Amino acid sequence: VKELEQKFQNLFGVSVQVYRQSGSVWIQTTITDSWTLTEQNNRAYEYAHKDAAKGESQ
């Protein structure tokens, strides 16, 4: 993620920030900037399915 953000800055001169959805909230990925986009997506997918499973068991 950090590499992607830096590429936008270097190529286009714009600052970007990647966010990841966690449940119903969008989280800025500053703490997990070292993760790849795939890792970000996988974590969001796992979290979404964990929440869905919780809702089904209640």
PDB file of N, CA and C in Angstrom:
ATOM      1  N   VAL A   1       0.833  -1.191   0.000  1.00  0.00           N
ATOM      2  CA  VAL A   1       0.000   0.000   0.000  1.00  0.00           C
ATOM      3  C   VAL A   1       0.877   1.254   0.000  1.00  0.00           C
ATOM      4  N   LYS A   2       1.889   1.233   0.825  1.00  0.00           N
ATOM      5  CA  LYS A   2       2.778   2.398   0.890  1.00  0.00           C
ATOM      6  C   LYS A   2       3.405   2.673  -0.476  1.00  0.00           C
ATOM      7  N   GLU A   3       3.798   1.613  -1.171  1.00  0.00           N
ATOM      8  CA  GLU A   3       4.399   1.760  -2.500  1.00  0.00           C
ATOM      9  C   GLU A   3       3.405   2.382  -3.480  1.00  0.00           C
ATOM     10  N   LEU A   4       2.160   1.945  -3.431  1.00  0.00           N
ATOM     11  CA  LEU A   4       1.121   2.503  -4.301  1.00  0.00           C
ATOM     12  C   LEU A   4       0.929   3.992  -4.025  1.00  0.00           C
ATOM     13  N   GLU A   5       0.832   4.338  -2.748  1.00  0.00           N
ATOM     14  CA  GLU A   5       0.650   5.738  -2.374  1.00  0.00           C
ATOM     15  C   GLU A   5       1.835   6.589  -2.850  1.00  0.00           C
ATOM     16  N   GLN A   6       3.045   6.055  -2.721  1.00  0.00           N
ATOM     17  CA  GLN A   6       4.235   6.782  -3.167  1.00  0.00           C
ATOM     18  C   GLN A   6       4.260   6.932  -4.687  1.00  0.00           C
ATOM     19  N   LYS A   7       3.804   5.914  -5.404  1.00  0.00           N
ATOM     20  CA  LYS A   7       3.770   5.997  -6.869  1.00  0.00           C
ATOM     21  C   LYS A   7       2.827   7.102  -7.335  1.00  0.00           C
ATOM     22  N   PHE A   8       1.681   7.230  -6.697  1.00  0.00           N
ATOM     23  CA  PHE A   8       0.764   8.319  -7.048  1.00  0.00           C
ATOM     24  C   PHE A   8       1.440   9.672  -6.819  1.00  0.00           C
ATOM     25  N   GLN A   9       2.151   9.785  -5.710  1.00  0.00           N
ATOM     26  CA  GLN A   9       2.844  11.044  -5.406  1.00  0.00           C
ATOM     27  C   GLN A   9       3.922  11.328  -6.445  1.00  0.00           C
ATOM     28  N   ASN A  10       4.723  10.326  -6.755  1.00  0.00           N
ATOM     29  CA  ASN A  10       5.845  10.517  -7.684  1.00  0.00           C
ATOM     30  C   ASN A  10       5.384  10.735  -9.121  1.00  0.00           C
ATOM     31  N   LEU A  11       4.389   9.980  -9.567  1.00  0.00           N
ATOM     32  CA  LEU A  11       3.955  10.054 -10.963  1.00  0.00           C
ATOM     33  C   LEU A  11       3.018  11.224 -11.251  1.00  0.00           C
ATOM     34  N   PHE A  12       2.110  11.495 -10.308  1.00  0.00           N
ATOM     35  CA  PHE A  12       1.053  12.472 -10.567  1.00  0.00           C
ATOM     36  C   PHE A  12       1.100  13.698  -9.660  1.00  0.00           C
ATOM     37  N   GLY A  13       1.958  13.655  -8.635  1.00  0.00           N
ATOM     38  CA  GLY A  13       2.065  14.781  -7.719  1.00  0.00           C
ATOM     39  C   GLY A  13       0.876  14.925  -6.789  1.00  0.00           C
ATOM     40  N   VAL A  14       0.153  13.837  -6.571  1.00  0.00           N
ATOM     41  CA  VAL A  14      -0.999  13.885  -5.660  1.00  0.00           C
ATOM     42  C   VAL A  14      -0.784  12.916  -4.505  1.00  0.00           C
ATOM     43  N   SER A  15      -1.235  13.324  -3.349  1.00  0.00           N
ATOM     44  CA  SER A  15      -1.188  12.456  -2.178  1.00  0.00           C
ATOM     45  C   SER A  15      -2.476  11.653  -2.120  1.00  0.00           C
ATOM     46  N   VAL A  16      -2.342  10.358  -1.916  1.00  0.00           N
ATOM     47  CA  VAL A  16      -3.514   9.501  -1.770  1.00  0.00           C
ATOM     48  C   VAL A  16      -3.381   8.714  -0.476  1.00  0.00           C
ATOM     49  N   GLN A  17      -4.511   8.259   0.038  1.00  0.00           N
ATOM     50  CA  GLN A  17      -4.534   7.421   1.222  1.00  0.00           C
ATOM     51  C   GLN A  17      -5.497   6.285   0.965  1.00  0.00           C
ATOM     52  N   VAL A  18      -5.023   5.068   1.156  1.00  0.00           N
ATOM     53  CA  VAL A  18      -5.856   3.883   0.960  1.00  0.00           C
ATOM     54  C   VAL A  18      -6.627   3.612   2.250  1.00  0.00           C
ATOM     55  N   TYR A  19      -7.892   3.268   2.094  1.00  0.00           N
ATOM     56  CA  TYR A  19      -8.741   2.879   3.214  1.00  0.00           C
ATOM     57  C   TYR A  19      -9.208   1.451   3.004  1.00  0.00           C
ATOM     58  N   ARG A  20      -9.500   0.758   4.113  1.00  0.00           N
ATOM     59  CA  ARG A  20     -10.011  -0.610   4.064  1.00  0.00           C
ATOM     60  C   ARG A  20     -11.297  -0.656   4.880  1.00  0.00           C
ATOM     61  N   GLN A  21     -12.301  -1.319   4.338  1.00  0.00           N
ATOM     62  CA  GLN A  21     -13.562  -1.426   5.063  1.00  0.00           C
ATOM     63  C   GLN A  21     -13.447  -2.503   6.132  1.00  0.00           C
ATOM     64  N   SER A  22     -13.886  -2.176   7.326  1.00  0.00           N
ATOM     65  CA  SER A  22     -13.893  -3.101   8.449  1.00  0.00           C
ATOM     66  C   SER A  22     -15.285  -3.048   9.055  1.00  0.00           C
ATOM     67  N   GLY A  23     -16.105  -4.029   8.710  1.00  0.00           N
ATOM     68  CA  GLY A  23     -17.507  -3.976   9.100  1.00  0.00           C
ATOM     69  C   GLY A  23     -18.171  -2.845   8.344  1.00  0.00           C
ATOM     70  N   SER A  24     -18.773  -1.926   9.074  1.00  0.00           N
ATOM     71  CA  SER A  24     -19.437  -0.795   8.421  1.00  0.00           C
ATOM     72  C   SER A  24     -18.583   0.473   8.462  1.00  0.00           C
ATOM     73  N   VAL A  25     -17.331   0.323   8.884  1.00  0.00           N
ATOM     74  CA  VAL A  25     -16.428   1.460   9.054  1.00  0.00           C
ATOM     75  C   VAL A  25     -15.279   1.368   8.051  1.00  0.00           C
ATOM     76  N   TRP A  26     -14.863   2.515   7.518  1.00  0.00           N
ATOM     77  CA  TRP A  26     -13.702   2.570   6.637  1.00  0.00           C
ATOM     78  C   TRP A  26     -12.505   3.007   7.473  1.00  0.00           C
ATOM     79  N   ILE A  27     -11.431   2.196   7.441  1.00  0.00           N
ATOM     80  CA  ILE A  27     -10.244   2.433   8.255  1.00  0.00           C
ATOM     81  C   ILE A  27      -9.089   2.886   7.370  1.00  0.00           C
ATOM     82  N   GLN A  28      -8.440   3.955   7.785  1.00  0.00           N
ATOM     83  CA  GLN A  28      -7.237   4.409   7.087  1.00  0.00           C
ATOM     84  C   GLN A  28      -6.139   3.372   7.337  1.00  0.00           C
ATOM     85  N   THR A  29      -5.402   3.006   6.300  1.00  0.00           N
ATOM     86  CA  THR A  29      -4.449   1.900   6.408  1.00  0.00           C
ATOM     87  C   THR A  29      -3.053   2.327   6.852  1.00  0.00           C
ATOM     88  N   THR A  30      -2.928   3.416   7.569  1.00  0.00           N
ATOM     89  CA  THR A  30      -1.600   3.902   7.947  1.00  0.00           C
ATOM     90  C   THR A  30      -0.819   2.875   8.763  1.00  0.00           C
ATOM     91  N   ILE A  31      -1.473   2.156   9.644  1.00  0.00           N
ATOM     92  CA  ILE A  31      -0.783   1.157  10.469  1.00  0.00           C
ATOM     93  C   ILE A  31      -0.388  -0.058   9.640  1.00  0.00           C
ATOM     94  N   THR A  32      -1.177  -0.365   8.616  1.00  0.00           N
ATOM     95  CA  THR A  32      -0.926  -1.554   7.801  1.00  0.00           C
ATOM     96  C   THR A  32      -0.408  -1.193   6.409  1.00  0.00           C
ATOM     97  N   ASP A  33       0.248  -0.047   6.287  1.00  0.00           N
ATOM     98  CA  ASP A  33       0.792   0.388   4.994  1.00  0.00           C
ATOM     99  C   ASP A  33       1.802  -0.596   4.414  1.00  0.00           C
ATOM    100  N   SER A  34       2.424  -1.398   5.260  1.00  0.00           N
ATOM    101  CA  SER A  34       3.412  -2.360   4.760  1.00  0.00           C
ATOM    102  C   SER A  34       2.748  -3.575   4.113  1.00  0.00           C
ATOM    103  N   TRP A  35       1.432  -3.738   4.315  1.00  0.00           N
ATOM    104  CA  TRP A  35       0.713  -4.860   3.704  1.00  0.00           C
ATOM    105  C   TRP A  35       0.488  -4.581   2.225  1.00  0.00           C
ATOM    106  N   THR A  36       0.358  -5.650   1.449  1.00  0.00           N
ATOM    107  CA  THR A  36      -0.019  -5.507   0.044  1.00  0.00           C
ATOM    108  C   THR A  36      -1.516  -5.229  -0.041  1.00  0.00           C
ATOM    109  N   LEU A  37      -1.965  -4.826  -1.211  1.00  0.00           N
ATOM    110  CA  LEU A  37      -3.407  -4.630  -1.411  1.00  0.00           C
ATOM    111  C   LEU A  37      -4.151  -5.946  -1.221  1.00  0.00           C
ATOM    112  N   THR A  38      -3.536  -7.046  -1.634  1.00  0.00           N
ATOM    113  CA  THR A  38      -4.157  -8.366  -1.445  1.00  0.00           C
ATOM    114  C   THR A  38      -4.331  -8.667   0.030  1.00  0.00           C
ATOM    115  N   GLU A  39      -3.317  -8.376   0.833  1.00  0.00           N
ATOM    116  CA  GLU A  39      -3.428  -8.598   2.276  1.00  0.00           C
ATOM    117  C   GLU A  39      -4.522  -7.718   2.878  1.00  0.00           C
ATOM    118  N   GLN A  40      -4.613  -6.471   2.430  1.00  0.00           N
ATOM    119  CA  GLN A  40      -5.671  -5.572   2.910  1.00  0.00           C
ATOM    120  C   GLN A  40      -7.041  -6.156   2.576  1.00  0.00           C
ATOM    121  N   ASN A  41      -7.209  -6.592   1.326  1.00  0.00           N
ATOM    122  CA  ASN A  41      -8.487  -7.163   0.889  1.00  0.00           C
ATOM    123  C   ASN A  41      -8.818  -8.435   1.652  1.00  0.00           C
ATOM    124  N   ASN A  42      -7.816  -9.289   1.860  1.00  0.00           N
ATOM    125  CA  ASN A  42      -8.052 -10.532   2.594  1.00  0.00           C
ATOM    126  C   ASN A  42      -8.493 -10.253   4.023  1.00  0.00           C
ATOM    127  N   ARG A  43      -7.865  -9.292   4.670  1.00  0.00           N
ATOM    128  CA  ARG A  43      -8.234  -8.955   6.051  1.00  0.00           C
ATOM    129  C   ARG A  43      -9.659  -8.410   6.106  1.00  0.00           C
ATOM    130  N   ALA A  44     -10.005  -7.557   5.158  1.00  0.00           N
ATOM    131  CA  ALA A  44     -11.365  -7.013   5.107  1.00  0.00           C
ATOM    132  C   ALA A  44     -12.376  -8.134   4.869  1.00  0.00           C
ATOM    133  N   TYR A  45     -12.052  -9.068   3.974  1.00  0.00           N
ATOM    134  CA  TYR A  45     -12.933 -10.203   3.680  1.00  0.00           C
ATOM    135  C   TYR A  45     -13.128 -11.066   4.928  1.00  0.00           C
ATOM    136  N   GLU A  46     -12.025 -11.382   5.618  1.00  0.00           N
ATOM    137  CA  GLU A  46     -12.108 -12.191   6.839  1.00  0.00           C
ATOM    138  C   GLU A  46     -12.968 -11.501   7.892  1.00  0.00           C
ATOM    139  N   TYR A  47     -12.770 -10.215   8.067  1.00  0.00           N
ATOM    140  CA  TYR A  47     -13.521  -9.468   9.066  1.00  0.00           C
ATOM    141  C   TYR A  47     -15.006  -9.440   8.718  1.00  0.00           C
ATOM    142  N   ALA A  48     -15.307  -9.240   7.450  1.00  0.00           N
ATOM    143  CA  ALA A  48     -16.709  -9.187   7.020  1.00  0.00           C
ATOM    144  C   ALA A  48     -17.394 -10.519   7.257  1.00  0.00           C
ATOM    145  N   HIS A  49     -16.701 -11.604   6.978  1.00  0.00           N
ATOM    146  CA  HIS A  49     -17.311 -12.917   7.158  1.00  0.00           C
ATOM    147  C   HIS A  49     -17.386 -13.317   8.623  1.00  0.00           C
ATOM    148  N   LYS A  50     -16.460 -12.837   9.427  1.00  0.00           N
ATOM    149  CA  LYS A  50     -16.524 -13.079  10.861  1.00  0.00           C
ATOM    150  C   LYS A  50     -17.754 -12.384  11.437  1.00  0.00           C
ATOM    151  N   ASP A  51     -17.992 -11.131  11.027  1.00  0.00           N
ATOM    152  CA  ASP A  51     -19.166 -10.389  11.485  1.00  0.00           C
ATOM    153  C   ASP A  51     -20.454 -11.047  11.013  1.00  0.00           C
ATOM    154  N   ALA A  52     -20.474 -11.550   9.786  1.00  0.00           N
ATOM    155  CA  ALA A  52     -21.667 -12.212   9.253  1.00  0.00           C
ATOM    156  C   ALA A  52     -21.962 -13.472  10.049  1.00  0.00           C
ATOM    157  N   ALA A  53     -20.929 -14.222  10.394  1.00  0.00           N
ATOM    158  CA  ALA A  53     -21.114 -15.449  11.173  1.00  0.00           C
ATOM    159  C   ALA A  53     -21.626 -15.121  12.569  1.00  0.00           C
ATOM    160  N   LYS A  54     -21.153 -14.026  13.156  1.00  0.00           N
ATOM    161  CA  LYS A  54     -21.637 -13.586  14.465  1.00  0.00           C
ATOM    162  C   LYS A  54     -23.130 -13.299  14.418  1.00  0.00           C
ATOM    163  N   GLY A  55     -23.550 -12.578  13.398  1.00  0.00           N
ATOM    164  CA  GLY A  55     -24.954 -12.207  13.251  1.00  0.00           C
ATOM    165  C   GLY A  55     -25.853 -13.412  13.082  1.00  0.00           C
ATOM    166  N   GLU A  56     -25.371 -14.438  12.410  1.00  0.00           N
ATOM    167  CA  GLU A  56     -26.163 -15.649  12.205  1.00  0.00           C
ATOM    168  C   GLU A  56     -26.317 -16.439  13.488  1.00  0.00           C
ATOM    169  N   SER A  57     -25.338 -16.355  14.400  1.00  0.00           N
ATOM    170  CA  SER A  57     -25.394 -17.158  15.616  1.00  0.00           C
ATOM    171  C   SER A  57     -26.200 -16.491  16.714  1.00  0.00           C
ATOM    172  N   GLN A  58     -26.607 -15.236  16.513  1.00  0.00           N
ATOM    173  CA  GLN A  58     -27.361 -14.526  17.562  1.00  0.00           C
ATOM    174  C   GLN A  58     -28.836 -14.745  17.434  1.00  0.00           C
TER     175      GLN A  58
END
